[in-house]
Protein backbone atom coordinates (compact mmCIF):
# COMPACT_ATOMS: atom_id res chain seq x y z
CA MET A 1 -9.01 129.93 137.52
CA ILE A 2 -11.43 129.21 140.36
CA PRO A 3 -10.21 130.21 143.85
CA PRO A 4 -9.29 127.16 146.01
CA VAL A 5 -12.26 127.52 148.40
CA GLN A 6 -14.76 127.76 145.54
CA GLN A 7 -13.06 124.91 143.66
CA ARG A 8 -13.42 122.69 146.72
CA SER A 9 -17.15 123.52 146.83
CA VAL A 10 -17.50 122.72 143.12
CA ASP A 11 -15.61 119.46 143.56
CA GLU A 12 -17.80 118.46 146.53
CA LEU A 13 -20.97 119.30 144.61
CA ILE A 14 -19.88 117.25 141.61
CA GLU A 15 -18.87 114.31 143.80
CA ARG A 16 -22.19 114.40 145.67
CA ASN A 17 -24.13 114.39 142.42
CA ILE A 18 -22.14 111.56 140.88
CA VAL A 19 -21.49 109.31 143.87
CA LEU A 20 -24.26 110.00 146.39
CA HIS A 21 -27.15 110.74 144.03
CA GLN A 22 -25.82 108.63 141.12
CA ARG A 23 -26.70 111.31 138.59
CA GLY A 24 -25.27 111.16 135.12
CA MET A 25 -23.78 113.98 133.09
CA ASP A 26 -27.07 114.83 131.37
CA GLU A 27 -28.91 115.32 134.64
CA ILE A 28 -26.04 117.27 136.21
CA TRP A 29 -25.86 119.52 133.14
CA LEU A 30 -29.63 120.17 133.18
CA ARG A 31 -29.62 121.00 136.88
CA PHE A 32 -26.69 123.37 136.43
CA ARG A 33 -28.23 125.00 133.35
CA ASN A 34 -31.54 125.53 135.15
CA THR A 35 -29.80 127.04 138.17
CA VAL A 36 -27.92 129.47 135.93
CA ILE A 37 -31.13 130.44 134.11
CA VAL A 38 -32.98 131.12 137.36
CA LYS A 39 -30.08 133.20 138.70
CA ALA A 40 -29.82 135.20 135.46
CA LEU A 41 -33.56 135.92 135.57
CA GLN A 42 -33.25 137.06 139.19
CA ILE A 43 -30.39 139.39 138.30
CA CYS A 44 -32.42 140.78 135.37
CA ASP A 45 -35.63 141.17 137.39
CA GLY A 46 -37.39 138.50 135.32
CA ASN A 47 -36.56 140.09 131.96
CA ALA A 48 -35.84 137.11 129.70
CA SER A 49 -34.45 139.25 126.88
CA HIS A 50 -31.87 140.82 129.19
CA ALA A 51 -31.07 137.44 130.75
CA ALA A 52 -30.47 135.94 127.30
CA ILE A 53 -28.12 138.79 126.41
CA MET A 54 -26.26 138.37 129.68
CA LEU A 55 -25.96 134.60 129.09
CA LYS A 56 -24.92 135.19 125.46
CA ILE A 57 -27.63 132.92 124.08
CA HIS A 58 -30.54 133.61 121.76
CA ARG A 59 -33.75 134.61 123.51
CA ASN A 60 -35.61 131.75 121.79
CA THR A 61 -33.09 129.29 123.22
CA LEU A 62 -33.63 130.69 126.70
CA GLY A 63 -37.40 130.48 126.27
CA ARG A 64 -37.18 126.87 125.09
CA TRP A 65 -34.95 125.90 128.03
CA MET A 66 -37.30 127.69 130.43
CA ARG A 67 -40.30 125.79 129.04
CA GLN A 68 -38.43 122.47 129.25
CA ALA A 69 -37.60 123.14 132.90
CA ASN A 70 -40.97 124.72 133.75
CA ILE A 71 -39.18 127.87 134.87
CA VAL A 72 -41.71 130.65 135.29
CA ARG A 73 -40.82 134.31 135.55
CA GLY A 74 -42.13 136.46 138.37
CA ASN A 75 -45.03 137.79 136.29
CA GLY A 76 -46.36 134.24 135.73
CA GLY A 77 -45.16 133.95 132.14
CA VAL A 78 -42.62 131.51 130.82
CA GLU A 79 -41.14 133.73 128.15
């Protein structure tokens, strides 16, 4: 269960994306996924293998999602 303060923030973020920016589910999902990927890479000091393990996804999946989003690791590589 999300604490009430955090839930309010999540609710506001969702409402802003749907109402104000008129984004659909696909775009909201992609933005969220990309944010999670970037955060996982930051936590793992840019190590995609460790980030994939932490996210419980295959490393190839992470690499594909990173390429799709043009997410580049700190060393200049995508994977």
